[in-house]
PDB file of N, CA and C in Angstrom:
ATOM      1  N   MET A   1      11.602  11.926 -17.721  1.00  0.00           N
ATOM      2  CA  MET A   1      10.347  12.311 -16.855  1.00  0.00           C
ATOM      3  C   MET A   1      10.686  12.265 -15.381  1.00  0.00           C
ATOM      4  N   ASN A   2      10.039  13.788 -14.422  1.00  0.00           N
ATOM      5  CA  ASN A   2       9.955  13.438 -13.180  1.00  0.00           C
ATOM      6  C   ASN A   2      10.202  12.510 -12.240  1.00  0.00           C
ATOM      7  N   PRO A   3      10.444  11.638 -11.453  1.00  0.00           N
ATOM      8  CA  PRO A   3      10.626  11.080 -10.641  1.00  0.00           C
ATOM      9  C   PRO A   3       9.227  10.714  -9.792  1.00  0.00           C
ATOM     10  N   GLU A   4       9.099  11.874  -9.179  1.00  0.00           N
ATOM     11  CA  GLU A   4       8.200  12.405  -8.345  1.00  0.00           C
ATOM     12  C   GLU A   4       6.614  12.339  -9.254  1.00  0.00           C
ATOM     13  N   ARG A   5       6.353  12.829 -10.352  1.00  0.00           N
ATOM     14  CA  ARG A   5       5.032  12.719 -11.105  1.00  0.00           C
ATOM     15  C   ARG A   5       4.977  11.290 -11.621  1.00  0.00           C
ATOM     16  N   LEU A   6       6.271  10.187 -11.791  1.00  0.00           N
ATOM     17  CA  LEU A   6       5.524   8.458 -11.658  1.00  0.00           C
ATOM     18  C   LEU A   6       5.692   7.514 -10.723  1.00  0.00           C
ATOM     19  N   GLN A   7       6.234   8.515  -9.429  1.00  0.00           N
ATOM     20  CA  GLN A   7       5.359   8.304  -8.390  1.00  0.00           C
ATOM     21  C   GLN A   7       3.979   8.661  -8.018  1.00  0.00           C
ATOM     22  N   MET A   8       3.981   9.425  -8.194  1.00  0.00           N
ATOM     23  CA  MET A   8       2.139   9.973  -7.840  1.00  0.00           C
ATOM     24  C   MET A   8       1.571   9.491  -9.054  1.00  0.00           C
ATOM     25  N   LYS A   9       1.984   8.637 -10.772  1.00  0.00           N
ATOM     26  CA  LYS A   9       1.145   8.207 -11.326  1.00  0.00           C
ATOM     27  C   LYS A   9       0.720   7.030 -10.845  1.00  0.00           C
ATOM     28  N   GLY A  10       1.486   6.150 -10.201  1.00  0.00           N
ATOM     29  CA  GLY A  10       1.773   5.281  -9.232  1.00  0.00           C
ATOM     30  C   GLY A  10       0.570   4.738  -8.617  1.00  0.00           C
ATOM     31  N   MET A  11       0.469   5.914  -7.969  1.00  0.00           N
ATOM     32  CA  MET A  11      -0.292   6.084  -6.860  1.00  0.00           C
ATOM     33  C   MET A  11      -1.588   6.099  -7.385  1.00  0.00           C
ATOM     34  N   LEU A  12      -1.428   6.678  -8.214  1.00  0.00           N
ATOM     35  CA  LEU A  12      -2.673   7.353  -8.757  1.00  0.00           C
ATOM     36  C   LEU A  12      -3.723   5.783  -9.196  1.00  0.00           C
ATOM     37  N   ALA A  13      -3.105   5.027 -10.186  1.00  0.00           N
ATOM     38  CA  ALA A  13      -3.342   3.293 -10.371  1.00  0.00           C
ATOM     39  C   ALA A  13      -3.621   2.388 -10.012  1.00  0.00           C
ATOM     40  N   GLU A  14      -2.930   2.627  -8.405  1.00  0.00           N
ATOM     41  CA  GLU A  14      -2.897   1.695  -6.848  1.00  0.00           C
ATOM     42  C   GLU A  14      -3.714   2.176  -6.653  1.00  0.00           C
ATOM     43  N   ALA A  15      -4.480   3.117  -6.615  1.00  0.00           N
ATOM     44  CA  ALA A  15      -5.852   3.689  -5.532  1.00  0.00           C
ATOM     45  C   ALA A  15      -7.204   3.744  -6.751  1.00  0.00           C
ATOM     46  N   LYS A  16      -7.188   3.429  -7.698  1.00  0.00           N
ATOM     47  CA  LYS A  16      -7.821   3.384  -8.753  1.00  0.00           C
ATOM     48  C   LYS A  16      -8.503   1.558  -9.056  1.00  0.00           C
ATOM     49  N   LYS A  17      -6.958   1.301  -8.881  1.00  0.00           N
ATOM     50  CA  LYS A  17      -7.428  -0.269  -8.809  1.00  0.00           C
ATOM     51  C   LYS A  17      -8.101  -0.270  -7.825  1.00  0.00           C
ATOM     52  N   ASN A  18      -7.487  -0.222  -6.617  1.00  0.00           N
ATOM     53  CA  ASN A  18      -8.636  -0.270  -5.027  1.00  0.00           C
ATOM     54  C   ASN A  18      -9.611  -0.110  -5.527  1.00  0.00           C
ATOM     55  N   LEU A  19      -9.798   1.112  -5.673  1.00  0.00           N
ATOM     56  CA  LEU A  19     -10.949   1.811  -5.342  1.00  0.00           C
ATOM     57  C   LEU A  19     -12.560   0.071  -6.798  1.00  0.00           C
ATOM     58  N   HIS A  20     -11.678  -0.484  -7.948  1.00  0.00           N
ATOM     59  CA  HIS A  20     -12.527  -1.188  -8.413  1.00  0.00           C
ATOM     60  C   HIS A  20     -12.475  -2.149  -8.132  1.00  0.00           C
ATOM     61  N   THR A  21     -12.012  -2.827  -7.047  1.00  0.00           N
ATOM     62  CA  THR A  21     -11.902  -4.244  -5.682  1.00  0.00           C
ATOM     63  C   THR A  21     -12.763  -3.894  -4.800  1.00  0.00           C
ATOM     64  N   LEU A  22     -13.018  -2.648  -4.569  1.00  0.00           N
ATOM     65  CA  LEU A  22     -13.898  -2.198  -3.174  1.00  0.00           C
ATOM     66  C   LEU A  22     -15.461  -1.983  -4.125  1.00  0.00           C
ATOM     67  N   ASP A  23     -15.749  -1.090  -5.164  1.00  0.00           N
ATOM     68  CA  ASP A  23     -16.153  -1.610  -5.258  1.00  0.00           C
ATOM     69  C   ASP A  23     -17.294  -2.780  -6.118  1.00  0.00           C
ATOM     70  N   THR A  24     -17.003  -3.340  -6.141  1.00  0.00           N
ATOM     71  CA  THR A  24     -16.744  -4.828  -6.599  1.00  0.00           C
ATOM     72  C   THR A  24     -17.275  -5.573  -5.739  1.00  0.00           C
ATOM     73  N   GLU A  25     -16.400  -5.475  -4.368  1.00  0.00           N
ATOM     74  CA  GLU A  25     -16.789  -5.780  -3.714  1.00  0.00           C
ATOM     75  C   GLU A  25     -18.401  -5.859  -3.093  1.00  0.00           C
ATOM     76  N   ALA A  26     -18.326  -4.172  -2.773  1.00  0.00           N
ATOM     77  CA  ALA A  26     -19.193  -3.835  -2.477  1.00  0.00           C
ATOM     78  C   ALA A  26     -20.560  -4.049  -3.424  1.00  0.00           C
ATOM     79  N   SER A  27     -20.438  -4.210  -4.260  1.00  0.00           N
ATOM     80  CA  SER A  27     -21.743  -4.390  -5.923  1.00  0.00           C
ATOM     81  C   SER A  27     -22.095  -6.249  -5.029  1.00  0.00           C
ATOM     82  N   GLY A  28     -21.202  -6.564  -4.526  1.00  0.00           N
ATOM     83  CA  GLY A  28     -21.605  -8.128  -4.086  1.00  0.00           C
ATOM     84  C   GLY A  28     -22.715  -8.556  -2.502  1.00  0.00           C
ATOM     85  N   LEU A  29     -21.615  -6.938  -2.277  1.00  0.00           N
ATOM     86  CA  LEU A  29     -22.917  -7.446  -0.979  1.00  0.00           C
ATOM     87  C   LEU A  29     -23.551  -7.031  -1.170  1.00  0.00           C
ATOM     88  N   VAL A  30     -23.510  -5.930  -2.009  1.00  0.00           N
ATOM     89  CA  VAL A  30     -25.671  -5.773  -1.974  1.00  0.00           C
ATOM     90  C   VAL A  30     -26.204  -6.338  -2.258  1.00  0.00           C
ATOM     91  N   ILE A  31     -26.244  -7.487  -3.000  1.00  0.00           N
ATOM     92  CA  ILE A  31     -27.037  -8.297  -3.903  1.00  0.00           C
ATOM     93  C   ILE A  31     -26.688  -9.497  -2.463  1.00  0.00           C
ATOM     94  N   LEU A  32     -25.744  -9.851  -1.756  1.00  0.00           N
ATOM     95  CA  LEU A  32     -26.412 -10.858  -0.905  1.00  0.00           C
ATOM     96  C   LEU A  32     -26.990 -10.237   0.089  1.00  0.00           C
ATOM     97  N   ILE A  33     -26.671  -9.179   0.902  1.00  0.00           N
ATOM     98  CA  ILE A  33     -28.058  -8.616   2.040  1.00  0.00           C
ATOM     99  C   ILE A  33     -29.595  -8.750   0.888  1.00  0.00           C
ATOM    100  N   ARG A  34     -29.882  -8.037  -0.073  1.00  0.00           N
ATOM    101  CA  ARG A  34     -30.716  -8.319  -0.880  1.00  0.00           C
ATOM    102  C   ARG A  34     -31.477  -9.646  -0.345  1.00  0.00           C
ATOM    103  N   SER A  35     -30.628 -10.550  -0.497  1.00  0.00           N
ATOM    104  CA  SER A  35     -30.912 -12.466  -0.231  1.00  0.00           C
ATOM    105  C   SER A  35     -31.526 -12.392   0.806  1.00  0.00           C
ATOM    106  N   LEU A  36     -30.541 -12.205   1.632  1.00  0.00           N
ATOM    107  CA  LEU A  36     -30.591 -12.488   3.220  1.00  0.00           C
ATOM    108  C   LEU A  36     -31.632 -11.506   3.485  1.00  0.00           C
ATOM    109  N   LEU A  37     -32.285 -11.140   3.296  1.00  0.00           N
ATOM    110  CA  LEU A  37     -33.306  -9.712   3.808  1.00  0.00           C
ATOM    111  C   LEU A  37     -34.540 -10.285   2.542  1.00  0.00           C
ATOM    112  N   ASN A  38     -34.910 -11.189   2.362  1.00  0.00           N
ATOM    113  CA  ASN A  38     -36.304 -12.143   0.979  1.00  0.00           C
ATOM    114  C   ASN A  38     -37.580 -11.488   1.537  1.00  0.00           C
ATOM    115  N   PRO A  39     -38.161 -10.561   1.145  1.00  0.00           N
ATOM    116  CA  PRO A  39     -39.392  -9.995   1.603  1.00  0.00           C
ATOM    117  C   PRO A  39     -40.208 -10.906   2.042  1.00  0.00           C
ATOM    118  N   TYR A  40     -40.277 -12.212   1.093  1.00  0.00           N
ATOM    119  CA  TYR A  40     -41.178 -13.366   1.416  1.00  0.00           C
ATOM    120  C   TYR A  40     -41.220 -14.157   1.850  1.00  0.00           C
ATOM    121  N   GLU A  41     -39.919 -14.225   2.813  1.00  0.00           N
ATOM    122  CA  GLU A  41     -39.101 -14.911   3.732  1.00  0.00           C
ATOM    123  C   GLU A  41     -40.077 -14.952   5.254  1.00  0.00           C
ATOM    124  N   ASP A  42     -40.305 -15.869   5.899  1.00  0.00           N
ATOM    125  CA  ASP A  42     -40.889 -15.511   7.106  1.00  0.00           C
ATOM    126  C   ASP A  42     -39.800 -14.876   8.185  1.00  0.00           C
ATOM    127  N   ILE A  43     -39.938 -14.214   8.596  1.00  0.00           N
ATOM    128  CA  ILE A  43     -39.306 -13.040   9.759  1.00  0.00           C
ATOM    129  C   ILE A  43     -38.301 -13.797  10.543  1.00  0.00           C
ATOM    130  N   LYS A  44     -39.236 -15.140  11.435  1.00  0.00           N
ATOM    131  CA  LYS A  44     -38.046 -15.851  12.244  1.00  0.00           C
ATOM    132  C   LYS A  44     -36.694 -17.108  11.145  1.00  0.00           C
ATOM    133  N   ASN A  45     -36.807 -16.995  10.275  1.00  0.00           N
ATOM    134  CA  ASN A  45     -36.407 -17.821   8.858  1.00  0.00           C
ATOM    135  C   ASN A  45     -34.943 -16.705   8.774  1.00  0.00           C
ATOM    136  N   LEU A  46     -34.920 -15.437   8.716  1.00  0.00           N
ATOM    137  CA  LEU A  46     -33.449 -15.048   8.722  1.00  0.00           C
ATOM    138  C   LEU A  46     -33.074 -14.673   8.803  1.00  0.00           C
ATOM    139  N   ASP A  47     -31.384 -14.996   8.553  1.00  0.00           N
ATOM    140  CA  ASP A  47     -29.978 -15.015   9.342  1.00  0.00           C
ATOM    141  C   ASP A  47     -29.359 -13.299   9.387  1.00  0.00           C
ATOM    142  N   THR A  48     -30.421 -12.968  10.490  1.00  0.00           N
ATOM    143  CA  THR A  48     -29.726 -11.351  10.735  1.00  0.00           C
ATOM    144  C   THR A  48     -28.232 -11.442  11.031  1.00  0.00           C
ATOM    145  N   GLU A  49     -27.546 -12.263  11.572  1.00  0.00           N
ATOM    146  CA  GLU A  49     -26.311 -12.455  12.049  1.00  0.00           C
ATOM    147  C   GLU A  49     -25.192 -12.208  10.939  1.00  0.00           C
ATOM    148  N   LYS A  50     -25.834 -12.559   9.809  1.00  0.00           N
ATOM    149  CA  LYS A  50     -24.984 -12.701   8.280  1.00  0.00           C
ATOM    150  C   LYS A  50     -25.190 -10.600   7.944  1.00  0.00           C
ATOM    151  N   VAL A  51     -26.718 -10.386   7.754  1.00  0.00           N
ATOM    152  CA  VAL A  51     -26.586  -9.344   7.188  1.00  0.00           C
ATOM    153  C   VAL A  51     -26.090  -8.162   8.246  1.00  0.00           C
ATOM    154  N   SER A  52     -26.339  -8.569   9.373  1.00  0.00           N
ATOM    155  CA  SER A  52     -25.456  -7.629  10.345  1.00  0.00           C
ATOM    156  C   SER A  52     -23.669  -7.612   9.374  1.00  0.00           C
ATOM    157  N   VAL A  53     -23.554  -8.463   9.762  1.00  0.00           N
ATOM    158  CA  VAL A  53     -21.917  -8.259   9.478  1.00  0.00           C
ATOM    159  C   VAL A  53     -21.459  -8.639   8.127  1.00  0.00           C
ATOM    160  N   SER A  54     -22.108  -8.174   7.036  1.00  0.00           N
ATOM    161  CA  SER A  54     -22.394  -7.401   5.425  1.00  0.00           C
ATOM    162  C   SER A  54     -22.446  -6.968   5.740  1.00  0.00           C
ATOM    163  N   VAL A  55     -23.471  -6.020   6.574  1.00  0.00           N
ATOM    164  CA  VAL A  55     -23.899  -4.559   6.519  1.00  0.00           C
ATOM    165  C   VAL A  55     -22.669  -3.442   6.480  1.00  0.00           C
ATOM    166  N   LYS A  56     -21.897  -4.411   8.071  1.00  0.00           N
ATOM    167  CA  LYS A  56     -20.891  -3.778   8.133  1.00  0.00           C
ATOM    168  C   LYS A  56     -19.805  -3.658   7.500  1.00  0.00           C
ATOM    169  N   ARG A  57     -19.748  -4.286   6.709  1.00  0.00           N
ATOM    170  CA  ARG A  57     -18.491  -4.594   5.926  1.00  0.00           C
ATOM    171  C   ARG A  57     -18.761  -3.480   4.984  1.00  0.00           C
ATOM    172  N   LEU A  58     -19.739  -3.218   4.614  1.00  0.00           N
ATOM    173  CA  LEU A  58     -20.617  -2.600   3.517  1.00  0.00           C
ATOM    174  C   LEU A  58     -20.514  -1.048   3.756  1.00  0.00           C
ATOM    175  N   ASN A  59     -20.472  -0.810   4.561  1.00  0.00           N
ATOM    176  CA  ASN A  59     -20.595   0.731   5.658  1.00  0.00           C
ATOM    177  C   ASN A  59     -18.466   0.873   5.471  1.00  0.00           C
ATOM    178  N   GLU A  60     -17.832  -0.193   5.969  1.00  0.00           N
ATOM    179  CA  GLU A  60     -16.209  -0.127   5.775  1.00  0.00           C
ATOM    180  C   GLU A  60     -15.968   0.154   4.548  1.00  0.00           C
ATOM    181  N   ILE A  61     -16.543  -0.624   3.895  1.00  0.00           N
ATOM    182  CA  ILE A  61     -15.932  -0.712   2.174  1.00  0.00           C
ATOM    183  C   ILE A  61     -16.282   1.060   1.740  1.00  0.00           C
ATOM    184  N   THR A  62     -18.144   1.510   1.844  1.00  0.00           N
ATOM    185  CA  THR A  62     -18.218   2.795   2.058  1.00  0.00           C
ATOM    186  C   THR A  62     -17.139   3.742   1.998  1.00  0.00           C
ATOM    187  N   LYS A  63     -16.865   4.190   2.896  1.00  0.00           N
ATOM    188  CA  LYS A  63     -15.832   5.011   3.636  1.00  0.00           C
ATOM    189  C   LYS A  63     -14.583   4.724   2.873  1.00  0.00           C
ATOM    190  N   GLU A  64     -14.129   3.329   3.057  1.00  0.00           N
ATOM    191  CA  GLU A  64     -12.913   3.571   2.374  1.00  0.00           C
ATOM    192  C   GLU A  64     -13.120   4.232   0.641  1.00  0.00           C
ATOM    193  N   ILE A  65     -14.319   4.323   0.233  1.00  0.00           N
ATOM    194  CA  ILE A  65     -13.772   4.137  -1.339  1.00  0.00           C
ATOM    195  C   ILE A  65     -14.046   6.284  -1.043  1.00  0.00           C
ATOM    196  N   LYS A  66     -14.783   6.394  -0.600  1.00  0.00           N
ATOM    197  CA  LYS A  66     -15.010   8.036  -0.235  1.00  0.00           C
ATOM    198  C   LYS A  66     -13.656   8.520  -0.218  1.00  0.00           C
ATOM    199  N   SER A  67     -12.918   8.499   1.033  1.00  0.00           N
ATOM    200  CA  SER A  67     -11.210   7.840   1.278  1.00  0.00           C
ATOM    201  C   SER A  67     -10.578   8.201  -0.150  1.00  0.00           C
ATOM    202  N   LEU A  68     -10.973   6.934  -0.996  1.00  0.00           N
ATOM    203  CA  LEU A  68      -9.970   6.972  -1.994  1.00  0.00           C
ATOM    204  C   LEU A  68     -10.498   8.085  -3.254  1.00  0.00           C
ATOM    205  N   ASN A  69     -12.150   8.216  -2.979  1.00  0.00           N
ATOM    206  CA  ASN A  69     -12.199   9.118  -4.651  1.00  0.00           C
ATOM    207  C   ASN A  69     -11.722  10.632  -3.768  1.00  0.00           C
ATOM    208  N   GLU A  70     -11.594  10.880  -2.744  1.00  0.00           N
ATOM    209  CA  GLU A  70     -10.774  12.157  -2.388  1.00  0.00           C
ATOM    210  C   GLU A  70      -8.935  12.031  -2.943  1.00  0.00           C
ATOM    211  N   LYS A  71      -8.319  10.947  -2.800  1.00  0.00           N
ATOM    212  CA  LYS A  71      -7.155  10.672  -2.744  1.00  0.00           C
ATOM    213  C   LYS A  71      -7.015  10.812  -3.871  1.00  0.00           C
ATOM    214  N   ILE A  72      -7.989  10.114  -4.945  1.00  0.00           N
ATOM    215  CA  ILE A  72      -7.915  10.075  -6.815  1.00  0.00           C
ATOM    216  C   ILE A  72      -7.972  11.607  -7.007  1.00  0.00           C
ATOM    217  N   LYS A  73      -8.788  12.280  -6.852  1.00  0.00           N
ATOM    218  CA  LYS A  73      -9.238  13.375  -6.535  1.00  0.00           C
ATOM    219  C   LYS A  73      -7.885  14.396  -7.027  1.00  0.00           C
ATOM    220  N   LYS A  74      -7.500  14.301  -5.452  1.00  0.00           N
ATOM    221  CA  LYS A  74      -6.314  14.786  -5.537  1.00  0.00           C
ATOM    222  C   LYS A  74      -5.217  15.012  -5.748  1.00  0.00           C
ATOM    223  N   LEU A  75      -4.629  13.498  -6.155  1.00  0.00           N
ATOM    224  CA  LEU A  75      -3.576  12.833  -7.299  1.00  0.00           C
ATOM    225  C   LEU A  75      -3.130  13.445  -8.256  1.00  0.00           C
ATOM    226  N   GLU A  76      -5.113  13.522  -9.166  1.00  0.00           N
ATOM    227  CA  GLU A  76      -5.375  14.216 -10.649  1.00  0.00           C
ATOM    228  C   GLU A  76      -5.587  15.971 -11.070  1.00  0.00           C
ATOM    229  N   SER A  77      -5.686  15.846  -9.683  1.00  0.00           N
ATOM    230  CA  SER A  77      -5.117  17.512  -9.825  1.00  0.00           C
ATOM    231  C   SER A  77      -3.746  17.895  -9.148  1.00  0.00           C
ATOM    232  N   GLU A  78      -2.809  17.212  -8.788  1.00  0.00           N
ATOM    233  CA  GLU A  78      -1.767  17.388  -8.538  1.00  0.00           C
ATOM    234  C   GLU A  78      -0.624  17.139  -9.804  1.00  0.00           C
ATOM    235  N   LEU A  79      -1.146  16.240 -11.024  1.00  0.00           N
ATOM    236  CA  LEU A  79      -0.676  16.177 -12.103  1.00  0.00           C
ATOM    237  C   LEU A  79      -0.810  16.502 -13.008  1.00  0.00           C
ATOM    238  N   GLU A  80      -2.196  17.619 -13.029  1.00  0.00           N
ATOM    239  CA  GLU A  80      -2.387  18.188 -14.198  1.00  0.00           C
ATOM    240  C   GLU A  80      -1.682  19.602 -14.196  1.00  0.00           C
TER     241      GLU A  80
END
């Protein structure tokens, strides 16, 4: 098999692994943010600093996921 194809397959596998890891982290952050923004809690007791940090990280992950999805589509199309 062509060494370049093998390298691309390795890159594809790595990108899919990273995508899965980021997706898992994002899901955890969504759960955390929901728990921090408990609607039944008094406003003055909400930890908005933790919410802010978590939302910032979730935004970064979302951007990384979009980039990885594009990379995966490109690699898959090149391997066909």
